[in-house]
Structure formats: structure tokens, C-alpha cells
N, C-alpha and C. Protein backbone atom coordinates (compact mmCIF):
# COMPACT_ATOMS: atom_id res chain seq x y z
N MET A 1 123.93 318.89 132.37
CA MET A 1 122.96 319.95 132.48
C MET A 1 121.63 319.40 132.95
N ALA A 2 121.18 319.89 134.03
CA ALA A 2 119.90 319.45 134.58
C ALA A 2 118.78 320.30 133.97
N GLU A 3 117.72 319.61 133.62
CA GLU A 3 116.58 320.30 133.05
C GLU A 3 115.76 320.95 134.14
N LYS A 4 115.20 322.08 133.83
CA LYS A 4 114.35 322.77 134.78
C LYS A 4 113.04 322.01 134.89
N PRO A 5 112.58 321.70 136.10
CA PRO A 5 111.33 320.94 136.23
C PRO A 5 110.14 321.76 135.73
N ARG A 6 109.19 321.03 135.18
CA ARG A 6 108.01 321.70 134.62
C ARG A 6 107.01 322.01 135.75
N ASP A 7 106.35 323.11 135.60
CA ASP A 7 105.31 323.49 136.56
C ASP A 7 103.97 322.96 136.03
N TRP A 8 103.63 321.75 136.44
CA TRP A 8 102.43 321.10 135.92
C TRP A 8 101.16 321.84 136.33
N ASP A 9 101.12 322.43 137.46
CA ASP A 9 99.92 323.17 137.87
C ASP A 9 99.63 324.33 136.92
N LYS A 10 100.69 325.03 136.51
CA LYS A 10 100.51 326.16 135.60
C LYS A 10 100.06 325.66 134.22
N GLU A 11 100.67 324.58 133.72
CA GLU A 11 100.31 324.06 132.39
C GLU A 11 98.88 323.52 132.37
N LEU A 12 98.46 322.82 133.43
CA LEU A 12 97.09 322.30 133.49
C LEU A 12 96.09 323.44 133.63
N ALA A 13 96.46 324.52 134.34
CA ALA A 13 95.57 325.68 134.46
C ALA A 13 95.37 326.32 133.08
N ASP A 14 96.44 326.38 132.27
CA ASP A 14 96.31 326.92 130.90
C ASP A 14 95.38 326.04 130.06
N ILE A 15 95.50 324.74 130.19
CA ILE A 15 94.64 323.83 129.43
C ILE A 15 93.20 323.98 129.87
N ASP A 16 92.96 324.10 131.18
CA ASP A 16 91.59 324.31 131.68
C ASP A 16 90.99 325.59 131.13
N ARG A 17 91.77 326.65 131.09
CA ARG A 17 91.29 327.94 130.58
C ARG A 17 90.91 327.82 129.10
N ILE A 18 91.72 327.12 128.32
CA ILE A 18 91.43 326.95 126.89
C ILE A 18 90.17 326.11 126.70
N MET A 19 89.99 325.09 127.54
CA MET A 19 88.81 324.24 127.42
C MET A 19 87.54 324.98 127.80
N GLU A 20 87.61 325.92 128.74
CA GLU A 20 86.43 326.68 129.14
C GLU A 20 85.95 327.62 128.05
N THR A 21 86.85 328.12 127.23
CA THR A 21 86.44 329.06 126.17
C THR A 21 85.72 328.34 125.05
N GLY A 22 85.88 327.06 124.93
CA GLY A 22 85.18 326.30 123.90
C GLY A 22 85.97 326.24 122.60
N PRO A 23 85.42 325.51 121.64
CA PRO A 23 86.13 325.39 120.36
C PRO A 23 86.06 326.70 119.59
N PRO A 24 87.01 326.88 118.68
CA PRO A 24 86.98 328.11 117.89
C PRO A 24 85.73 328.15 117.02
N ALA A 25 85.23 329.33 116.79
CA ALA A 25 84.01 329.50 115.99
C ALA A 25 84.27 329.11 114.54
N LEU A 26 83.29 328.43 113.95
CA LEU A 26 83.39 328.07 112.54
C LEU A 26 83.06 329.27 111.68
N PRO A 27 83.69 329.37 110.52
CA PRO A 27 83.37 330.50 109.65
C PRO A 27 81.93 330.38 109.15
N ALA A 28 81.31 331.51 108.91
CA ALA A 28 79.92 331.53 108.44
C ALA A 28 79.86 330.94 107.03
N PRO A 29 78.80 330.19 106.72
CA PRO A 29 78.69 329.64 105.37
C PRO A 29 78.53 330.76 104.36
N PRO A 30 79.05 330.55 103.14
CA PRO A 30 78.95 331.61 102.13
C PRO A 30 77.49 331.84 101.76
N LYS A 31 77.18 333.10 101.50
CA LYS A 31 75.81 333.44 101.12
C LYS A 31 75.57 333.03 99.69
N THR A 32 74.42 332.41 99.50
CA THR A 32 74.04 332.03 98.14
C THR A 32 73.08 333.05 97.61
N GLY A 33 72.87 333.01 96.35
CA GLY A 33 71.93 333.94 95.72
C GLY A 33 70.54 333.77 96.32
N GLY A 34 70.00 334.84 96.83
CA GLY A 34 68.68 334.76 97.44
C GLY A 34 67.58 334.92 96.41
N ARG A 35 66.38 334.70 96.88
CA ARG A 35 65.21 334.89 96.02
C ARG A 35 64.77 336.34 96.09
N LYS A 36 63.83 336.71 95.24
CA LYS A 36 63.34 338.09 95.20
C LYS A 36 62.62 338.47 96.49
N ASP A 37 62.00 337.46 97.16
CA ASP A 37 61.25 337.77 98.37
C ASP A 37 62.15 337.85 99.61
N GLY A 38 63.45 337.74 99.44
CA GLY A 38 64.38 337.89 100.55
C GLY A 38 64.78 336.58 101.21
N THR A 39 64.10 335.50 100.91
CA THR A 39 64.47 334.22 101.51
C THR A 39 65.55 333.57 100.67
N SER A 40 66.30 332.72 101.30
CA SER A 40 67.36 332.04 100.55
C SER A 40 66.83 330.72 100.00
N ALA A 41 67.47 330.25 98.95
CA ALA A 41 67.09 328.98 98.34
C ALA A 41 67.47 327.84 99.27
N PRO A 42 66.71 326.76 99.25
CA PRO A 42 67.07 325.63 100.11
C PRO A 42 68.42 325.05 99.69
N ALA A 43 69.16 324.60 100.69
CA ALA A 43 70.49 324.06 100.42
C ALA A 43 70.37 322.71 99.71
N LEU A 44 71.26 322.48 98.77
CA LEU A 44 71.28 321.21 98.07
C LEU A 44 72.03 320.19 98.90
N PRO A 45 71.62 318.92 98.84
CA PRO A 45 72.35 317.91 99.60
C PRO A 45 73.77 317.77 99.07
N THR A 46 74.70 317.49 99.97
CA THR A 46 76.10 317.40 99.56
C THR A 46 76.46 316.03 99.03
N SER A 47 75.68 315.01 99.35
CA SER A 47 75.98 313.68 98.85
C SER A 47 74.68 313.03 98.37
N ARG A 48 74.86 312.05 97.50
CA ARG A 48 73.68 311.34 97.00
C ARG A 48 73.09 310.47 98.09
N PRO A 49 71.78 310.45 98.18
CA PRO A 49 71.20 309.55 99.17
C PRO A 49 71.43 308.10 98.78
N ALA A 50 71.55 307.26 99.75
CA ALA A 50 71.77 305.83 99.48
C ALA A 50 70.55 305.24 98.81
N VAL A 51 70.76 304.35 97.88
CA VAL A 51 69.66 303.67 97.21
C VAL A 51 69.13 302.61 98.17
N VAL A 52 67.88 302.73 98.46
CA VAL A 52 67.26 301.77 99.37
C VAL A 52 66.62 300.68 98.54
N PRO A 53 67.07 299.44 98.69
CA PRO A 53 66.47 298.37 97.90
C PRO A 53 65.02 298.15 98.31
N THR A 54 64.20 298.00 97.31
CA THR A 54 62.78 297.72 97.56
C THR A 54 62.44 296.36 97.00
N ARG A 55 61.45 295.73 97.59
CA ARG A 55 61.05 294.41 97.12
C ARG A 55 60.40 294.48 95.75
N GLY A 56 59.65 295.52 95.49
CA GLY A 56 58.94 295.61 94.22
C GLY A 56 59.83 295.79 93.02
N GLY A 57 61.05 296.30 93.22
CA GLY A 57 61.92 296.57 92.09
C GLY A 57 62.91 295.47 91.77
N ALA A 58 62.90 294.39 92.53
CA ALA A 58 63.87 293.31 92.30
C ALA A 58 63.65 292.64 90.95
N TRP A 59 62.43 292.61 90.50
CA TRP A 59 62.16 291.96 89.21
C TRP A 59 62.85 292.70 88.07
N ARG A 60 63.09 294.00 88.22
CA ARG A 60 63.77 294.76 87.16
C ARG A 60 65.20 294.25 86.96
N SER A 61 65.87 293.98 88.05
CA SER A 61 67.25 293.48 87.96
C SER A 61 67.26 292.11 87.27
N TRP A 62 66.32 291.26 87.63
CA TRP A 62 66.24 289.95 87.00
C TRP A 62 65.87 290.07 85.53
N ALA A 63 65.00 291.01 85.19
CA ALA A 63 64.63 291.20 83.78
C ALA A 63 65.83 291.67 82.96
N LYS A 64 66.60 292.59 83.51
CA LYS A 64 67.80 293.07 82.80
C LYS A 64 68.82 291.95 82.63
N ALA A 65 68.99 291.15 83.67
CA ALA A 65 69.92 290.02 83.58
C ALA A 65 69.44 289.01 82.54
N GLY A 66 68.14 288.77 82.51
CA GLY A 66 67.57 287.85 81.51
C GLY A 66 67.75 288.37 80.10
N LEU A 67 67.56 289.65 79.89
CA LEU A 67 67.77 290.23 78.56
C LEU A 67 69.23 290.09 78.13
N GLY A 68 70.14 290.28 79.07
CA GLY A 68 71.56 290.10 78.75
C GLY A 68 71.87 288.67 78.36
N VAL A 69 71.28 287.70 79.06
CA VAL A 69 71.50 286.29 78.72
C VAL A 69 70.93 286.00 77.33
N LEU A 70 69.73 286.50 77.05
CA LEU A 70 69.14 286.28 75.72
C LEU A 70 70.00 286.87 74.61
N LEU A 71 70.52 288.05 74.84
CA LEU A 71 71.38 288.68 73.84
C LEU A 71 72.67 287.89 73.64
N ALA A 72 73.27 287.41 74.72
CA ALA A 72 74.50 286.62 74.61
C ALA A 72 74.26 285.32 73.86
N VAL A 73 73.13 284.67 74.14
CA VAL A 73 72.81 283.42 73.45
C VAL A 73 72.50 283.69 71.98
N ALA A 74 71.81 284.79 71.71
CA ALA A 74 71.47 285.12 70.32
C ALA A 74 72.71 285.41 69.49
N MET A 75 73.75 285.93 70.14
CA MET A 75 74.98 286.23 69.40
C MET A 75 75.64 284.97 68.84
N THR A 76 75.40 283.83 69.47
CA THR A 76 75.98 282.59 68.95
C THR A 76 75.29 282.15 67.66
N GLN A 77 74.14 282.73 67.38
CA GLN A 77 73.39 282.39 66.17
C GLN A 77 73.43 283.52 65.14
N TRP A 78 74.46 284.30 65.14
CA TRP A 78 74.61 285.45 64.23
C TRP A 78 74.47 284.97 62.79
N PRO A 79 73.49 285.51 62.05
CA PRO A 79 73.19 284.95 60.73
C PRO A 79 74.07 285.46 59.58
N TYR A 80 74.86 286.46 59.79
CA TYR A 80 75.62 287.07 58.70
C TYR A 80 77.10 286.71 58.80
N ALA A 81 77.78 286.79 57.66
CA ALA A 81 79.21 286.51 57.63
C ALA A 81 79.95 287.61 58.41
N HIS A 82 80.87 287.20 59.25
CA HIS A 82 81.63 288.18 60.00
C HIS A 82 83.12 287.85 60.03
N ARG A 83 83.59 287.33 58.89
CA ARG A 83 84.99 286.97 58.80
C ARG A 83 85.88 288.20 58.59
N CYS A 84 85.38 289.20 57.88
CA CYS A 84 86.17 290.40 57.62
C CYS A 84 85.24 291.54 57.19
N GLY A 85 85.79 292.72 57.10
CA GLY A 85 85.07 293.87 56.58
C GLY A 85 83.98 294.39 57.50
N LEU A 86 82.92 294.89 56.86
CA LEU A 86 81.82 295.50 57.60
C LEU A 86 81.11 294.48 58.49
N GLY A 87 81.02 293.24 58.05
CA GLY A 87 80.40 292.20 58.87
C GLY A 87 81.13 292.01 60.19
N ALA A 88 82.45 292.04 60.15
CA ALA A 88 83.24 291.89 61.37
C ALA A 88 83.04 293.08 62.30
N VAL A 89 82.98 294.27 61.73
CA VAL A 89 82.78 295.47 62.55
C VAL A 89 81.40 295.45 63.21
N LEU A 90 80.38 295.07 62.45
CA LEU A 90 79.03 295.00 63.01
C LEU A 90 78.94 293.92 64.09
N TYR A 91 79.57 292.81 63.86
CA TYR A 91 79.57 291.74 64.86
C TYR A 91 80.26 292.19 66.14
N LEU A 92 81.40 292.87 66.01
CA LEU A 92 82.10 293.37 67.19
C LEU A 92 81.26 294.41 67.94
N GLY A 93 80.53 295.22 67.18
CA GLY A 93 79.64 296.19 67.82
C GLY A 93 78.54 295.50 68.60
N ALA A 94 77.97 294.45 68.02
CA ALA A 94 76.92 293.71 68.72
C ALA A 94 77.49 292.98 69.94
N ALA A 95 78.70 292.46 69.83
CA ALA A 95 79.33 291.81 70.98
C ALA A 95 79.61 292.82 72.09
N ALA A 96 79.96 294.05 71.69
CA ALA A 96 80.16 295.11 72.68
C ALA A 96 78.84 295.44 73.37
N MET A 97 77.74 295.33 72.66
CA MET A 97 76.43 295.55 73.27
C MET A 97 76.12 294.49 74.33
N VAL A 98 76.61 293.29 74.12
CA VAL A 98 76.44 292.24 75.14
C VAL A 98 77.17 292.65 76.42
N VAL A 99 78.38 293.17 76.27
CA VAL A 99 79.14 293.63 77.43
C VAL A 99 78.40 294.77 78.12
N LEU A 100 77.90 295.73 77.35
CA LEU A 100 77.17 296.85 77.93
C LEU A 100 75.89 296.40 78.62
N ALA A 101 75.19 295.42 78.04
CA ALA A 101 73.98 294.89 78.68
C ALA A 101 74.33 294.25 80.01
N GLY A 102 75.45 293.54 80.07
CA GLY A 102 75.90 292.95 81.32
C GLY A 102 76.26 294.00 82.36
N LEU A 103 76.92 295.06 81.93
CA LEU A 103 77.26 296.14 82.86
C LEU A 103 76.01 296.83 83.38
N TRP A 104 75.05 297.08 82.50
CA TRP A 104 73.79 297.72 82.87
C TRP A 104 73.06 296.87 83.91
N SER A 105 73.02 295.60 83.66
CA SER A 105 72.36 294.68 84.58
C SER A 105 73.14 294.57 85.89
N ALA A 106 74.45 294.56 85.83
CA ALA A 106 75.27 294.45 87.04
C ALA A 106 75.08 295.65 87.95
N VAL A 107 75.03 296.84 87.37
CA VAL A 107 74.82 298.04 88.18
C VAL A 107 73.45 297.99 88.84
N SER A 108 72.45 297.61 88.07
CA SER A 108 71.09 297.53 88.62
C SER A 108 71.00 296.50 89.74
N SER A 109 71.56 295.34 89.52
CA SER A 109 71.48 294.29 90.54
C SER A 109 72.32 294.64 91.77
N TRP A 110 73.42 295.36 91.58
CA TRP A 110 74.24 295.78 92.72
C TRP A 110 73.46 296.76 93.59
N ARG A 111 72.78 297.71 92.94
CA ARG A 111 72.00 298.68 93.70
C ARG A 111 70.81 298.06 94.41
N ARG A 112 70.23 297.04 93.82
CA ARG A 112 69.08 296.37 94.42
C ARG A 112 69.49 295.26 95.38
N ARG A 113 70.78 295.02 95.52
CA ARG A 113 71.30 293.98 96.42
C ARG A 113 70.77 292.60 96.04
N SER A 114 70.73 292.36 94.73
CA SER A 114 70.24 291.08 94.22
C SER A 114 71.44 290.24 93.79
N ALA A 115 71.87 289.35 94.66
CA ALA A 115 73.11 288.59 94.42
C ALA A 115 73.00 287.67 93.21
N GLY A 116 71.88 286.97 93.07
CA GLY A 116 71.72 286.04 91.95
C GLY A 116 71.75 286.76 90.61
N ALA A 117 71.01 287.85 90.51
CA ALA A 117 71.01 288.62 89.27
C ALA A 117 72.38 289.21 88.99
N HIS A 118 73.11 289.56 90.04
CA HIS A 118 74.44 290.13 89.85
C HIS A 118 75.40 289.08 89.29
N LEU A 119 75.33 287.86 89.81
CA LEU A 119 76.20 286.80 89.29
C LEU A 119 75.89 286.51 87.82
N ILE A 120 74.62 286.50 87.48
CA ILE A 120 74.24 286.29 86.08
C ILE A 120 74.77 287.43 85.22
N SER A 121 74.70 288.66 85.72
CA SER A 121 75.21 289.82 84.99
C SER A 121 76.71 289.70 84.75
N LEU A 122 77.42 289.24 85.76
CA LEU A 122 78.87 289.05 85.59
C LEU A 122 79.15 287.98 84.54
N GLY A 123 78.31 286.95 84.48
CA GLY A 123 78.44 285.93 83.45
C GLY A 123 78.18 286.50 82.06
N VAL A 124 77.21 287.40 81.94
CA VAL A 124 76.93 288.04 80.65
C VAL A 124 78.12 288.90 80.22
N ILE A 125 78.70 289.62 81.16
CA ILE A 125 79.89 290.42 80.84
C ILE A 125 81.01 289.52 80.35
N LEU A 126 81.24 288.42 81.03
CA LEU A 126 82.29 287.47 80.62
C LEU A 126 82.00 286.88 79.25
N ALA A 127 80.74 286.55 78.98
CA ALA A 127 80.38 286.01 77.66
C ALA A 127 80.62 287.04 76.57
N GLY A 128 80.26 288.30 76.83
CA GLY A 128 80.50 289.36 75.85
C GLY A 128 81.97 289.59 75.59
N LEU A 129 82.76 289.59 76.65
CA LEU A 129 84.21 289.76 76.46
C LEU A 129 84.82 288.58 75.71
N THR A 130 84.28 287.40 75.93
CA THR A 130 84.75 286.21 75.19
C THR A 130 84.42 286.34 73.71
N LEU A 131 83.21 286.80 73.39
CA LEU A 131 82.83 286.99 71.99
C LEU A 131 83.75 288.01 71.31
N VAL A 132 84.05 289.08 72.01
CA VAL A 132 84.95 290.09 71.45
C VAL A 132 86.34 289.51 71.27
N ALA A 133 86.84 288.79 72.26
CA ALA A 133 88.19 288.24 72.19
C ALA A 133 88.33 287.22 71.06
N LEU A 134 87.28 286.43 70.83
CA LEU A 134 87.34 285.44 69.75
C LEU A 134 87.44 286.09 68.37
N GLU A 135 86.98 287.30 68.24
CA GLU A 135 87.08 287.99 66.95
C GLU A 135 88.33 288.85 66.84
N VAL A 136 88.76 289.42 67.94
CA VAL A 136 89.90 290.33 67.89
C VAL A 136 91.23 289.57 67.89
N ALA A 137 91.33 288.51 68.67
CA ALA A 137 92.61 287.80 68.81
C ALA A 137 93.19 287.33 67.48
N PRO A 138 92.41 286.73 66.56
CA PRO A 138 93.01 286.31 65.29
C PRO A 138 93.43 287.48 64.40
N ARG A 139 92.89 288.65 64.65
CA ARG A 139 93.18 289.80 63.80
C ARG A 139 94.38 290.62 64.29
N VAL A 140 94.79 290.39 65.52
CA VAL A 140 95.95 291.12 66.04
C VAL A 140 97.17 290.23 66.17
N GLY A 141 97.09 289.01 65.65
CA GLY A 141 98.24 288.12 65.64
C GLY A 141 98.41 287.31 66.91
N TYR A 142 97.39 287.22 67.74
CA TYR A 142 97.52 286.48 68.98
C TYR A 142 97.17 285.01 68.82
N ALA A 143 96.37 284.68 67.81
CA ALA A 143 95.95 283.29 67.60
C ALA A 143 96.82 282.66 66.51
N LYS A 144 96.69 281.33 66.34
CA LYS A 144 97.44 280.63 65.30
C LYS A 144 96.97 281.02 63.92
N VAL A 145 95.67 281.30 63.77
CA VAL A 145 95.09 281.68 62.50
C VAL A 145 95.07 283.21 62.40
N ASP A 146 95.55 283.73 61.27
CA ASP A 146 95.52 285.19 61.07
C ASP A 146 94.32 285.51 60.19
N LEU A 147 93.47 286.40 60.68
CA LEU A 147 92.32 286.88 59.91
C LEU A 147 92.52 288.35 59.60
N PRO A 148 92.13 288.79 58.41
CA PRO A 148 92.28 290.20 58.07
C PRO A 148 91.10 291.02 58.61
N TRP A 149 91.35 292.31 58.83
CA TRP A 149 90.26 293.20 59.20
C TRP A 149 89.41 293.53 57.99
N MET A 150 90.06 293.74 56.85
CA MET A 150 89.34 294.10 55.63
C MET A 150 89.40 292.96 54.62
N CYS A 151 88.31 292.77 53.91
CA CYS A 151 88.25 291.73 52.88
C CYS A 151 88.98 292.18 51.63
N GLY A 152 89.46 291.21 50.88
CA GLY A 152 89.98 291.55 49.58
C GLY A 152 91.39 291.38 49.46
């Protein structure tokens, strides 16, 4: 069976006609609630504007990273017993604060494009997770020594 040859002139003429009419019209945007004076409210942006790093704000990222380091170092000098009970819970809460301080600093340094402060923030997060792991691992049976959650 031989195929019928295509009429390219006719097909190209159809394409030219479609191109001359232009693209299909876009639907009208939905009407929003107008104001009493008849004007419409300004449109809200659809996406968040990019954070533009400024030179004056870089010290904030370094300050947050420094606070995280101070908190992580201070946790090694915890003055209260934290072998079991309420002391262990409070210590774990404070260690979680070290992780949160690192995350807070990491977000700030990422937005400010401060690589050094960001690396320090990641170190603070790692230190906080280490502090938490050192307390949780013996209590869940992962370490050689078993510690109880509750005293007594």
C-alpha cells in the first residue's frame, strides 16, 4: 500500500495562518476585593524577594556563631548532676538548645553568604548532636554502659 503524498504547501499555509493570529488570549486575572473608593488593592508579590547580603550585617552572623560556640563550650562545664532523672532531662534540653543555636546561626550565615560563620555554625550543630548522643546512647542500650532514665 502506497501512502498518499502530503501536500506540504497546504500544511505550511495552515501553520502560517495560525501564527498570524497570535497566541491564544490569557484568561483575565480574578477580581480581588476592591476598596471603597473603587480602586483595587495592590497585588501581593508571588514570591519572597531574595535576601541581599549587606556588608553591615555580616557581624550578626559572626555574633550568632560565637554565641553558639560559647554555649557549646559552657555545656562541657555543666555544674549539676545529670546521670538520671530531672537533671538528665534538663541537660538534654540544654544540649538541644546548642543544636538550635547552631541552626539559628547557620540560617543567618547562609543568608548573609558568610562561609566562615557557616562552617562554625555547622560545628556547633555537630557539637550539640554529640552532647545529645553521649547522653541518649547509654540510656537506649547502644553503649556498653546502661544508664537509667529515672533515678531510684
